[in-house]
């Protein structure tokens, strides 16, 4: 008779990296002054600088994160500056 196979423990789950929630403002260059709020009920994402009070909103979806809204804001600023 053979030995019973020992049950191996499952490998530990890897920790998911944390995404930033505060960012640098492109207008006043203040570091970590822009915060992002995601309203999942109305599907609206808003960014606001606590120093210069610059604000911007956009539509979001289920998978949107704070970095996505901030990136869209930066893209919109660059597009506005290009034209």
N, C-alpha and C. Protein backbone atom coordinates (compact mmCIF):
# COMPACT_ATOMS: atom_id res chain seq x y z
N UNK A 1 0.83 -1.18 0.00
CA UNK A 1 0.00 0.00 0.00
C UNK A 1 0.87 1.24 0.00
N UNK A 2 0.41 2.23 -0.76
CA UNK A 2 1.16 3.47 -0.86
C UNK A 2 0.71 4.50 0.17
N UNK A 3 1.50 5.53 0.28
CA UNK A 3 1.16 6.60 1.20
C UNK A 3 0.07 7.48 0.59
N UNK A 4 -0.64 8.11 1.47
CA UNK A 4 -1.63 9.08 1.01
C UNK A 4 -0.91 10.37 0.65
N UNK A 5 -1.41 11.02 -0.36
CA UNK A 5 -0.81 12.30 -0.75
C UNK A 5 -1.15 13.33 0.32
N UNK A 6 -0.15 14.08 0.71
CA UNK A 6 -0.39 15.13 1.68
C UNK A 6 -1.01 16.32 0.96
N UNK A 7 -1.93 16.95 1.62
CA UNK A 7 -2.58 18.11 0.99
C UNK A 7 -1.66 19.32 1.14
N UNK A 8 -1.32 19.88 0.02
CA UNK A 8 -0.46 21.06 0.03
C UNK A 8 -1.30 22.29 0.31
N UNK A 9 -0.75 23.21 1.08
CA UNK A 9 -1.44 24.45 1.37
C UNK A 9 -1.45 25.30 0.11
N UNK A 10 -2.53 26.01 -0.14
CA UNK A 10 -2.55 26.88 -1.31
C UNK A 10 -1.57 28.03 -1.10
N UNK A 11 -0.98 28.52 -2.19
CA UNK A 11 -0.03 29.62 -2.03
C UNK A 11 -0.74 30.86 -1.50
N UNK A 12 -0.03 31.67 -0.72
CA UNK A 12 -0.67 32.87 -0.17
C UNK A 12 -1.01 33.85 -1.29
N UNK A 13 -2.11 34.56 -1.12
CA UNK A 13 -2.52 35.54 -2.11
C UNK A 13 -1.57 36.72 -2.07
N UNK A 14 -1.22 37.21 -3.26
CA UNK A 14 -0.34 38.37 -3.34
C UNK A 14 -1.15 39.62 -3.04
N UNK A 15 -0.52 40.51 -2.31
CA UNK A 15 -1.19 41.76 -1.96
C UNK A 15 -1.33 42.63 -3.20
N UNK A 16 -2.52 43.15 -3.41
CA UNK A 16 -2.77 44.03 -4.54
C UNK A 16 -2.14 45.38 -4.24
N UNK A 17 -1.38 45.94 -5.19
CA UNK A 17 -0.75 47.23 -4.92
C UNK A 17 -1.79 48.33 -4.75
N UNK A 18 -1.55 49.23 -3.83
CA UNK A 18 -2.47 50.32 -3.55
C UNK A 18 -2.24 51.43 -4.58
N UNK A 19 -3.33 51.93 -5.13
CA UNK A 19 -3.25 53.05 -6.05
C UNK A 19 -3.32 54.36 -5.28
N UNK A 20 -2.66 55.37 -5.79
CA UNK A 20 -2.66 56.67 -5.12
C UNK A 20 -4.04 57.31 -5.21
N UNK A 21 -4.35 58.13 -4.23
CA UNK A 21 -5.63 58.84 -4.23
C UNK A 21 -5.44 60.34 -4.23
N UNK A 22 -4.22 60.83 -3.99
CA UNK A 22 -3.93 62.26 -4.06
C UNK A 22 -2.84 62.46 -5.09
N UNK A 23 -2.94 63.58 -5.82
CA UNK A 23 -2.06 63.81 -6.94
C UNK A 23 -1.55 65.24 -6.94
N UNK A 24 -0.61 65.53 -7.86
CA UNK A 24 -0.07 66.87 -8.03
C UNK A 24 -0.98 67.68 -8.95
N UNK A 25 -1.15 68.95 -8.66
CA UNK A 25 -2.00 69.82 -9.46
C UNK A 25 -1.21 70.34 -10.67
N UNK A 26 -1.78 70.25 -11.88
CA UNK A 26 -1.06 70.74 -13.05
C UNK A 26 -1.06 72.27 -13.15
N UNK A 27 -1.89 72.95 -12.39
CA UNK A 27 -1.97 74.40 -12.47
C UNK A 27 -1.07 75.09 -11.45
N UNK A 28 -1.15 74.69 -10.19
CA UNK A 28 -0.35 75.35 -9.15
C UNK A 28 0.88 74.54 -8.75
N UNK A 29 1.04 73.34 -9.31
CA UNK A 29 2.18 72.45 -9.04
C UNK A 29 2.32 72.07 -7.57
N UNK A 30 1.25 72.16 -6.82
CA UNK A 30 1.28 71.73 -5.42
C UNK A 30 1.20 70.21 -5.38
N UNK A 31 2.13 69.60 -4.65
CA UNK A 31 2.19 68.15 -4.57
C UNK A 31 1.13 67.62 -3.61
N UNK A 32 0.44 66.58 -4.01
CA UNK A 32 -0.59 65.90 -3.21
C UNK A 32 -1.70 66.84 -2.76
N UNK A 33 -2.12 67.74 -3.66
CA UNK A 33 -3.20 68.66 -3.31
C UNK A 33 -4.50 68.34 -4.04
N UNK A 34 -4.44 67.47 -5.03
CA UNK A 34 -5.63 67.12 -5.81
C UNK A 34 -6.22 65.83 -5.26
N UNK A 35 -7.49 65.89 -4.89
CA UNK A 35 -8.18 64.69 -4.42
C UNK A 35 -9.28 64.35 -5.41
N UNK A 36 -9.63 63.10 -5.43
CA UNK A 36 -10.62 62.61 -6.39
C UNK A 36 -11.77 61.94 -5.64
N UNK A 37 -12.97 62.27 -6.06
CA UNK A 37 -14.17 61.66 -5.49
C UNK A 37 -14.92 60.94 -6.59
N UNK A 38 -15.30 59.70 -6.33
CA UNK A 38 -16.06 58.91 -7.28
C UNK A 38 -17.45 58.67 -6.72
N UNK A 39 -18.46 59.16 -7.41
CA UNK A 39 -19.85 58.94 -7.02
C UNK A 39 -20.40 57.83 -7.91
N UNK A 40 -20.42 56.62 -7.40
CA UNK A 40 -20.83 55.46 -8.19
C UNK A 40 -22.33 55.45 -8.48
N UNK A 41 -23.12 56.10 -7.65
CA UNK A 41 -24.57 56.12 -7.87
C UNK A 41 -24.95 56.96 -9.07
N UNK A 42 -24.29 58.12 -9.24
CA UNK A 42 -24.60 59.00 -10.36
C UNK A 42 -23.58 58.87 -11.49
N UNK A 43 -22.58 58.01 -11.33
CA UNK A 43 -21.53 57.78 -12.32
C UNK A 43 -20.79 59.06 -12.69
N UNK A 44 -20.37 59.80 -11.66
CA UNK A 44 -19.63 61.04 -11.86
C UNK A 44 -18.35 60.98 -11.04
N UNK A 45 -17.23 61.32 -11.69
CA UNK A 45 -15.95 61.43 -10.99
C UNK A 45 -15.52 62.88 -10.98
N UNK A 46 -15.06 63.38 -9.84
CA UNK A 46 -14.67 64.78 -9.70
C UNK A 46 -13.28 64.88 -9.09
N UNK A 47 -12.47 65.79 -9.62
CA UNK A 47 -11.17 66.09 -9.04
C UNK A 47 -11.18 67.55 -8.63
N UNK A 48 -10.50 67.85 -7.50
CA UNK A 48 -10.46 69.22 -7.00
C UNK A 48 -9.15 69.45 -6.29
N UNK A 49 -8.53 70.59 -6.60
CA UNK A 49 -7.28 70.99 -5.94
C UNK A 49 -7.61 71.77 -4.68
N UNK A 50 -6.99 71.43 -3.58
CA UNK A 50 -7.26 72.12 -2.33
C UNK A 50 -6.51 73.44 -2.23
N UNK A 51 -5.51 73.67 -3.09
CA UNK A 51 -4.73 74.90 -3.06
C UNK A 51 -5.35 75.98 -3.96
N UNK A 52 -5.49 75.69 -5.26
CA UNK A 52 -5.95 76.70 -6.22
C UNK A 52 -7.43 76.54 -6.57
N UNK A 53 -8.10 75.56 -6.00
CA UNK A 53 -9.54 75.32 -6.19
C UNK A 53 -9.91 74.96 -7.62
N UNK A 54 -8.97 74.49 -8.42
CA UNK A 54 -9.29 74.02 -9.77
C UNK A 54 -10.09 72.74 -9.63
N UNK A 55 -11.14 72.60 -10.45
CA UNK A 55 -12.02 71.43 -10.36
C UNK A 55 -12.40 70.97 -11.75
N UNK A 56 -12.74 69.69 -11.84
CA UNK A 56 -13.15 69.09 -13.12
C UNK A 56 -13.96 67.85 -12.82
N UNK A 57 -14.98 67.58 -13.64
CA UNK A 57 -15.81 66.39 -13.48
C UNK A 57 -15.91 65.65 -14.81
N UNK A 58 -16.16 64.36 -14.72
CA UNK A 58 -16.34 63.52 -15.90
C UNK A 58 -17.23 62.34 -15.55
N UNK A 59 -17.74 61.69 -16.58
CA UNK A 59 -18.53 60.48 -16.37
C UNK A 59 -17.58 59.32 -16.13
N UNK A 60 -18.00 58.40 -15.26
CA UNK A 60 -17.20 57.22 -14.96
C UNK A 60 -18.04 55.97 -15.19
N UNK A 61 -17.41 54.81 -15.09
CA UNK A 61 -18.11 53.55 -15.19
C UNK A 61 -17.70 52.66 -14.02
N UNK A 62 -18.17 51.44 -14.01
CA UNK A 62 -17.96 50.53 -12.88
C UNK A 62 -16.48 50.31 -12.54
N UNK A 63 -15.63 50.26 -13.55
CA UNK A 63 -14.22 49.93 -13.33
C UNK A 63 -13.32 51.14 -13.12
N UNK A 64 -13.86 52.33 -13.16
CA UNK A 64 -13.06 53.54 -13.02
C UNK A 64 -12.48 53.66 -11.62
N UNK A 65 -11.26 54.16 -11.56
CA UNK A 65 -10.58 54.43 -10.30
C UNK A 65 -10.18 55.90 -10.27
N UNK A 66 -9.64 56.37 -9.14
CA UNK A 66 -9.25 57.76 -8.99
C UNK A 66 -8.18 58.15 -10.01
N UNK A 67 -7.23 57.27 -10.28
CA UNK A 67 -6.16 57.58 -11.22
C UNK A 67 -6.70 57.75 -12.63
N UNK A 68 -7.79 57.05 -12.96
CA UNK A 68 -8.39 57.18 -14.28
C UNK A 68 -9.00 58.56 -14.47
N UNK A 69 -9.68 59.06 -13.45
CA UNK A 69 -10.30 60.38 -13.54
C UNK A 69 -9.22 61.45 -13.61
N UNK A 70 -8.18 61.31 -12.81
CA UNK A 70 -7.08 62.27 -12.83
C UNK A 70 -6.39 62.27 -14.20
N UNK A 71 -6.16 61.11 -14.76
CA UNK A 71 -5.52 61.01 -16.08
C UNK A 71 -6.37 61.66 -17.16
N UNK A 72 -7.68 61.47 -17.11
CA UNK A 72 -8.57 62.12 -18.07
C UNK A 72 -8.51 63.63 -17.93
N UNK A 73 -8.38 64.13 -16.71
CA UNK A 73 -8.27 65.57 -16.46
C UNK A 73 -6.99 66.11 -17.08
N UNK A 74 -5.88 65.41 -16.87
CA UNK A 74 -4.60 65.83 -17.44
C UNK A 74 -4.69 65.83 -18.97
N UNK A 75 -5.30 64.80 -19.55
CA UNK A 75 -5.46 64.73 -21.00
C UNK A 75 -6.30 65.90 -21.52
N UNK A 76 -7.37 66.24 -20.81
CA UNK A 76 -8.22 67.36 -21.20
C UNK A 76 -7.46 68.68 -21.11
N UNK A 77 -6.60 68.83 -20.11
CA UNK A 77 -5.79 70.05 -19.97
C UNK A 77 -4.80 70.17 -21.12
N UNK A 78 -4.16 69.06 -21.49
CA UNK A 78 -3.20 69.06 -22.59
C UNK A 78 -3.90 69.37 -23.91
N UNK A 79 -5.09 68.80 -24.09
CA UNK A 79 -5.85 69.04 -25.32
C UNK A 79 -6.26 70.51 -25.42
N UNK A 80 -6.66 71.11 -24.30
CA UNK A 80 -7.04 72.52 -24.28
C UNK A 80 -5.83 73.41 -24.57
N UNK A 81 -4.67 73.06 -24.05
CA UNK A 81 -3.45 73.85 -24.29
C UNK A 81 -2.98 73.72 -25.73
N UNK A 82 -3.23 72.58 -26.37
CA UNK A 82 -2.79 72.38 -27.74
C UNK A 82 -3.61 73.19 -28.73
N UNK A 83 -4.86 73.47 -28.40
CA UNK A 83 -5.69 74.21 -29.35
C UNK A 83 -5.68 75.70 -29.12
